[in-house]
Amino acid sequence: MASPSSLNFDGRVAVVTGGGRGLGREYAVLLAARGAKVVVNDVGGTLTGEGTDVGPAQQVVNEIRSAGGEAVASTDSVATAEGGRAIVDAALEHFGRIDVLVHNAGNVRRAPLTEMSYEDFDAVLDVHLRGAFHVVRPAFPVMTTAGYGRVVLTSSIGGLYGNHGVANYAAAKAGIIGLTNVVALEGAAHGVTCNAIIPGAVTRMAEGLDTSAYPPMEPGLVAPMVGWLAHQSCTVTGELFVAIAGRMARAFVAETPGVYRPSWSVEDVAEVIDAIRDDTVPLVFPPVPNGHTDHIRYSFGASAASDL
């Protein structure tokens, strides 16, 4: 089933969580069409995360096999450590390796902050954020030992900018950014990259939203970016990539140069707050190779420069 394209996945094994519908289905089918053996993981539950059904994952597997590819279905849940381990084990048991991990599984439980229950907050973090850790944790040592791996986690514009009624979802997706950075840092010496996709597509997660004025936003417009991030030729790591309505871009964290003083009062802050907030010359400290250290070095440098 391998594509004649030079960017193929012959000999590679990929795991796609949430692969039974929407974006995940597009990722799984694309990877398989380009030669990857795919574990299609999906519990087949409702949008809010209840229930199980092998149907969605098996349907994608059947589609891949009908086109000449290789795939197996997994209905284990990313919401538990045991489920995450079982998903990774499915790749190792059926195909003997894991080269690509795409964590796409998700659920939605909307409520205003004043009404959101603790149960709904945890239920969303369990799938999106803890779910990412539950599959990364068992896959990562296998990849580092092999000296190769491509990890793609899923953040959101909700994680970057927030949105009404989704405190749980926004917190989880912001957490994904931090996890992405650490996986990228710790994988860098072992041939393992990790990046995050920030997708925008009309899937069942858009249920209840008025999408009538949206431009074309099918999942197929997002999948090529995930395919590239999952490919051997992709050497960037620790980065965030937006794919929405045909637009692809890179998102990143930036700082203002700021203001240094050897001592501060509340009044001092008030006096120069405009300079502190001035973002006309932003600073970017890429997580890899040394964003954490570069940030500290720059900040400490302001103090050292004042002593000259």
Protein backbone atom coordinates (compact mmCIF):
# COMPACT_ATOMS: atom_id res chain seq x y z
CA MET A 1 0.00 0.00 0.00
CA ALA A 2 3.06 2.24 0.08
CA SER A 3 2.79 5.55 -1.74
CA PRO A 4 5.23 6.24 -4.60
CA SER A 5 6.06 9.47 -2.80
CA SER A 6 9.57 9.81 -1.40
CA LEU A 7 8.06 10.65 1.99
CA ASN A 8 6.87 7.17 2.80
CA PHE A 9 6.77 5.07 5.96
CA ASP A 10 7.90 1.71 4.66
CA GLY A 11 8.94 -0.51 7.56
CA ARG A 12 7.60 1.93 10.16
CA VAL A 13 4.98 1.17 12.80
CA ALA A 14 2.62 3.91 13.96
CA VAL A 15 0.14 4.16 16.81
CA VAL A 16 -2.72 6.63 16.44
CA THR A 17 -4.96 7.19 19.46
CA GLY A 18 -8.47 8.38 18.74
CA GLY A 19 -7.96 6.89 15.29
CA GLY A 20 -11.50 5.71 14.68
CA ARG A 21 -13.05 9.00 13.63
CA GLY A 22 -12.35 12.54 12.46
CA LEU A 23 -8.75 13.72 12.58
CA GLY A 24 -7.38 10.46 13.93
CA ARG A 25 -8.92 8.48 11.12
CA GLU A 26 -7.30 10.80 8.58
CA TYR A 27 -3.91 10.38 10.25
CA ALA A 28 -4.18 6.59 10.36
CA VAL A 29 -5.29 6.27 6.75
CA LEU A 30 -2.60 8.66 5.51
CA LEU A 31 0.20 6.87 7.36
CA ALA A 32 -1.01 3.49 6.15
CA ALA A 33 -1.32 4.73 2.57
CA ARG A 34 2.35 5.66 2.73
CA GLY A 35 3.47 2.27 3.99
CA ALA A 36 3.18 2.35 7.79
CA LYS A 37 1.75 -0.50 9.79
CA VAL A 38 -0.82 1.15 12.04
CA VAL A 39 -2.39 0.46 15.41
CA VAL A 40 -5.74 2.23 15.24
CA ASN A 41 -6.72 2.95 18.83
CA ASP A 42 -10.20 4.16 19.70
CA VAL A 43 -12.50 3.23 22.58
CA GLY A 44 -15.47 4.10 20.37
CA GLY A 45 -17.17 6.07 23.13
CA THR A 46 -19.42 9.08 23.11
CA LEU A 47 -18.17 12.62 22.68
CA THR A 48 -18.11 13.04 26.46
CA GLY A 49 -16.18 9.81 26.90
CA GLU A 50 -18.76 7.26 27.97
CA GLY A 51 -19.10 3.75 26.60
CA THR A 52 -17.01 1.57 24.32
CA ASP A 53 -17.47 0.24 20.80
CA VAL A 54 -14.91 -1.59 18.68
CA GLY A 55 -16.75 -0.46 15.55
CA PRO A 56 -14.98 2.83 14.76
CA ALA A 57 -11.43 1.46 15.14
CA GLN A 58 -12.24 -1.75 13.30
CA GLN A 59 -13.90 0.13 10.45
CA VAL A 60 -10.70 2.12 9.87
CA VAL A 61 -8.64 -1.06 10.08
CA ASN A 62 -10.89 -2.68 7.49
CA GLU A 63 -10.52 0.34 5.24
CA ILE A 64 -6.74 0.22 5.50
CA ARG A 65 -6.63 -3.53 4.85
CA SER A 66 -8.97 -3.21 1.88
CA ALA A 67 -6.50 -0.80 0.33
CA GLY A 68 -3.63 -3.26 0.85
CA GLY A 69 -2.24 -1.92 4.10
CA GLU A 70 -1.59 -3.46 7.50
CA ALA A 71 -3.43 -2.39 10.64
CA VAL A 72 -4.87 -3.69 13.89
CA ALA A 73 -7.54 -2.26 16.13
CA SER A 74 -7.14 -1.35 19.79
CA THR A 75 -9.99 -0.31 22.08
CA ASP A 76 -7.96 0.24 25.24
CA SER A 77 -8.41 3.62 26.92
CA VAL A 78 -5.65 6.20 27.16
CA ALA A 79 -7.32 7.43 30.35
CA THR A 80 -5.47 4.86 32.46
CA ALA A 81 -1.83 3.85 32.72
CA GLU A 82 -2.83 0.24 32.03
CA GLY A 83 -4.68 1.27 28.90
CA GLY A 84 -1.75 3.30 27.64
CA ARG A 85 0.61 0.39 28.16
CA ALA A 86 -1.78 -1.96 26.35
CA ILE A 87 -1.94 0.37 23.35
CA VAL A 88 1.84 0.47 23.01
CA ASP A 89 2.06 -3.27 23.63
CA ALA A 90 -0.34 -3.83 20.74
CA ALA A 91 2.23 -2.33 18.39
CA LEU A 92 5.07 -4.35 19.87
CA GLU A 93 3.14 -7.62 19.91
CA HIS A 94 1.69 -7.34 16.40
CA PHE A 95 4.49 -5.53 14.58
CA GLY A 96 7.57 -5.79 16.81
CA ARG A 97 8.32 -2.09 17.14
CA ILE A 98 6.92 1.42 17.48
CA ASP A 99 8.33 4.28 15.42
CA VAL A 100 5.51 6.83 15.44
CA LEU A 101 3.14 7.82 18.22
CA VAL A 102 0.29 10.23 17.46
CA HIS A 103 -1.84 11.04 20.50
CA ASN A 104 -5.11 12.39 19.16
CA ALA A 105 -7.72 10.87 21.49
CA GLY A 106 -10.03 13.42 23.05
CA ASN A 107 -13.33 14.12 24.71
CA VAL A 108 -15.34 17.26 25.47
CA ARG A 109 -17.36 18.25 28.52
CA ARG A 110 -18.40 21.88 28.29
CA ALA A 111 -19.54 24.04 31.20
CA PRO A 112 -18.91 27.58 32.47
CA LEU A 113 -16.16 27.77 35.07
CA THR A 114 -18.74 28.50 37.79
CA GLU A 115 -20.60 25.29 36.96
CA MET A 116 -17.90 22.85 35.89
CA SER A 117 -17.79 19.79 38.09
CA TYR A 118 -14.58 18.27 39.40
CA GLU A 119 -15.58 15.05 37.69
CA ASP A 120 -15.85 16.75 34.29
CA PHE A 121 -12.55 18.56 34.83
CA ASP A 122 -10.73 15.32 35.61
CA ALA A 123 -12.46 13.32 32.88
CA VAL A 124 -11.09 15.64 30.19
CA LEU A 125 -7.59 15.83 31.67
CA ASP A 126 -7.58 12.02 31.93
CA VAL A 127 -7.95 11.61 28.17
CA HIS A 128 -6.09 14.60 26.74
CA LEU A 129 -3.21 15.28 29.13
CA ARG A 130 -2.84 12.23 31.33
CA GLY A 131 -3.69 10.18 28.25
CA ALA A 132 -0.70 11.68 26.47
CA PHE A 133 1.56 10.67 29.35
CA HIS A 134 -0.01 7.22 29.53
CA VAL A 135 1.07 6.41 25.97
CA VAL A 136 4.29 8.42 25.89
CA ARG A 137 5.61 6.83 29.07
CA PRO A 138 5.73 3.24 27.74
CA ALA A 139 6.59 4.22 24.15
CA PHE A 140 9.45 6.59 24.97
CA PRO A 141 11.98 4.08 26.38
CA VAL A 142 11.33 1.75 23.44
CA MET A 143 12.06 4.59 21.04
CA THR A 144 15.15 5.85 22.85
CA THR A 145 16.58 2.33 23.01
CA ALA A 146 15.98 1.95 19.28
CA GLY A 147 17.53 5.36 18.63
CA TYR A 148 14.52 6.58 16.68
CA GLY A 149 11.03 7.88 17.25
CA ARG A 150 8.51 10.48 16.16
CA VAL A 151 5.98 11.68 18.74
CA VAL A 152 3.14 14.00 17.78
CA LEU A 153 0.92 15.27 20.59
CA THR A 154 -2.25 17.32 20.14
CA SER A 155 -2.67 20.76 21.65
CA SER A 156 -5.29 23.33 20.64
CA ILE A 157 -5.92 27.01 20.10
CA GLY A 158 -7.90 26.57 23.31
CA GLY A 159 -4.66 25.65 25.03
CA LEU A 160 -2.89 28.66 23.53
CA TYR A 161 -5.59 31.26 23.99
CA GLY A 162 -8.39 29.73 26.06
CA ASN A 163 -12.09 29.75 25.26
CA HIS A 164 -15.39 30.04 27.08
CA GLY A 165 -16.82 26.98 28.78
CA VAL A 166 -13.82 24.67 28.40
CA ALA A 167 -11.54 25.25 31.39
CA ASN A 168 -10.83 21.51 31.51
CA TYR A 169 -9.98 21.27 27.81
CA ALA A 170 -7.88 24.45 27.79
CA ALA A 171 -5.88 23.38 30.84
CA ALA A 172 -5.24 19.95 29.34
CA LYS A 173 -4.14 21.33 25.99
CA ALA A 174 -1.84 23.89 27.62
CA GLY A 175 -0.30 21.06 29.62
CA ILE A 176 0.39 19.19 26.38
CA ILE A 177 2.74 22.02 25.38
CA GLY A 178 4.87 21.51 28.48
CA LEU A 179 4.93 17.74 27.96
CA THR A 180 5.92 18.23 24.33
CA ASN A 181 8.91 20.32 25.39
CA VAL A 182 10.16 17.74 27.88
CA VAL A 183 9.78 14.79 25.50
CA ALA A 184 11.66 16.79 22.87
CA LEU A 185 14.45 17.70 25.29
CA GLU A 186 14.91 14.22 26.69
CA GLY A 187 14.58 12.56 23.29
CA ALA A 188 17.03 14.82 21.46
CA ALA A 189 20.10 12.72 22.20
CA HIS A 190 18.33 9.52 21.13
CA GLY A 191 16.86 10.37 17.73
CA VAL A 192 13.38 10.96 19.14
CA THR A 193 11.52 14.11 18.16
CA CYS A 194 8.32 15.46 19.70
CA ASN A 195 6.12 18.21 18.32
CA ALA A 196 2.53 19.28 18.87
CA ILE A 197 -0.17 19.75 16.29
CA ILE A 198 -2.72 22.50 16.91
CA PRO A 199 -5.51 21.40 14.57
CA GLY A 200 -8.72 23.04 13.50
CA ALA A 201 -11.28 20.85 11.75
CA VAL A 202 -15.00 20.28 11.76
CA THR A 203 -15.44 16.90 13.46
CA ARG A 204 -17.95 15.61 15.98
CA MET A 205 -16.21 17.76 18.61
CA ALA A 206 -17.88 20.70 16.88
CA GLU A 207 -21.32 19.36 17.77
CA GLY A 208 -23.48 22.16 19.13
CA LEU A 209 -21.42 24.89 17.47
CA ASP A 210 -22.65 26.97 14.54
CA THR A 211 -20.17 26.13 11.76
CA SER A 212 -22.30 27.43 8.89
CA ALA A 213 -19.98 30.37 8.21
CA TYR A 214 -16.76 28.34 8.44
CA PRO A 215 -14.55 27.86 5.37
CA PRO A 216 -13.67 24.29 4.35
CA MET A 217 -12.19 22.66 7.44
CA GLU A 218 -12.13 18.96 6.75
CA PRO A 219 -9.62 16.80 8.68
CA GLY A 220 -7.77 16.08 5.44
CA LEU A 221 -6.40 19.63 5.54
CA VAL A 222 -4.62 18.85 8.82
CA ALA A 223 -3.30 15.35 8.18
CA PRO A 224 -0.38 16.30 5.88
CA MET A 225 1.26 18.31 8.67
CA VAL A 226 0.94 15.36 11.04
CA GLY A 227 2.35 13.13 8.33
CA TRP A 228 5.40 15.34 7.98
CA LEU A 229 5.94 15.60 11.75
CA ALA A 230 5.78 11.80 11.90
CA HIS A 231 8.25 11.29 9.09
CA GLN A 232 11.93 10.43 9.31
CA SER A 233 12.83 13.57 7.35
CA CYS A 234 11.37 15.78 10.09
CA THR A 235 14.20 16.86 12.35
CA VAL A 236 12.52 19.81 14.06
CA THR A 237 11.50 19.13 17.62
CA GLY A 238 9.85 20.90 20.52
CA GLU A 239 7.69 23.01 18.21
CA LEU A 240 3.98 23.75 17.84
CA PHE A 241 2.31 23.66 14.44
CA VAL A 242 -1.07 25.14 13.57
CA ALA A 243 -3.20 23.61 10.82
CA ILE A 244 -6.65 25.12 10.33
CA ALA A 245 -8.81 25.75 7.26
CA GLY A 246 -5.87 25.35 4.87
CA ARG A 247 -3.52 27.58 6.88
CA MET A 248 -0.37 26.11 8.37
CA ALA A 249 1.83 28.04 10.76
CA ARG A 250 4.17 27.73 13.70
CA ALA A 251 3.14 28.95 17.15
CA PHE A 252 5.64 29.73 19.86
CA VAL A 253 6.11 31.31 23.27
CA ALA A 254 7.75 34.72 23.30
CA GLU A 255 8.80 37.25 25.94
CA THR A 256 9.32 40.98 25.94
CA PRO A 257 12.91 42.11 26.59
CA GLY A 258 11.63 43.48 29.88
CA VAL A 259 13.18 45.98 32.27
CA TYR A 260 15.96 45.38 34.77
CA ARG A 261 16.37 47.21 38.06
CA PRO A 262 18.43 46.10 41.07
CA SER A 263 15.43 46.67 43.32
CA TRP A 264 11.70 47.20 42.83
CA SER A 265 8.72 48.71 44.54
CA VAL A 266 5.08 48.42 43.54
CA GLU A 267 5.30 52.03 42.35
CA ASP A 268 8.35 51.19 40.23
CA VAL A 269 6.39 48.47 38.45
CA ALA A 270 3.51 50.88 37.80
CA GLU A 271 5.90 53.47 36.41
CA VAL A 272 7.45 51.23 33.77
CA ILE A 273 4.67 48.71 33.11
CA ASP A 274 4.37 49.87 29.49
CA ALA A 275 8.06 49.14 28.93
CA ILE A 276 7.73 45.77 30.66
CA ARG A 277 4.84 44.90 28.34
CA ASP A 278 6.44 46.29 25.16
CA ASP A 279 6.42 43.41 22.66
CA THR A 280 7.79 45.24 19.63
CA VAL A 281 11.06 43.26 19.83
CA PRO A 282 10.01 39.86 21.20
CA LEU A 283 12.44 37.26 22.45
CA VAL A 284 12.02 33.57 21.60
CA PHE A 285 13.84 30.83 23.49
CA PRO A 286 13.27 27.54 21.59
CA PRO A 287 12.87 24.64 24.02
CA VAL A 288 15.50 22.59 22.20
CA PRO A 289 18.39 22.66 22.68
CA ASN A 290 18.49 25.00 25.68
CA GLY A 291 15.44 27.25 26.00
CA HIS A 292 15.23 26.88 29.78
CA THR A 293 18.92 27.69 30.22
CA ASP A 294 18.87 30.45 27.59
CA HIS A 295 16.00 32.15 29.41
CA ILE A 296 17.91 32.10 32.70
CA ARG A 297 21.15 33.20 31.03
CA TYR A 298 19.41 36.18 29.41
CA SER A 299 17.74 37.17 32.67
CA PHE A 300 20.95 36.86 34.67
CA GLY A 301 22.76 38.78 31.95
CA ALA A 302 20.64 41.85 32.63
CA SER A 303 21.98 41.95 36.15
CA ALA A 304 25.56 41.42 35.01
CA ALA A 305 25.29 44.18 32.39
CA SER A 306 24.16 46.65 35.06
CA ASP A 307 27.40 46.10 36.95
CA LEU A 308 29.59 47.12 34.02
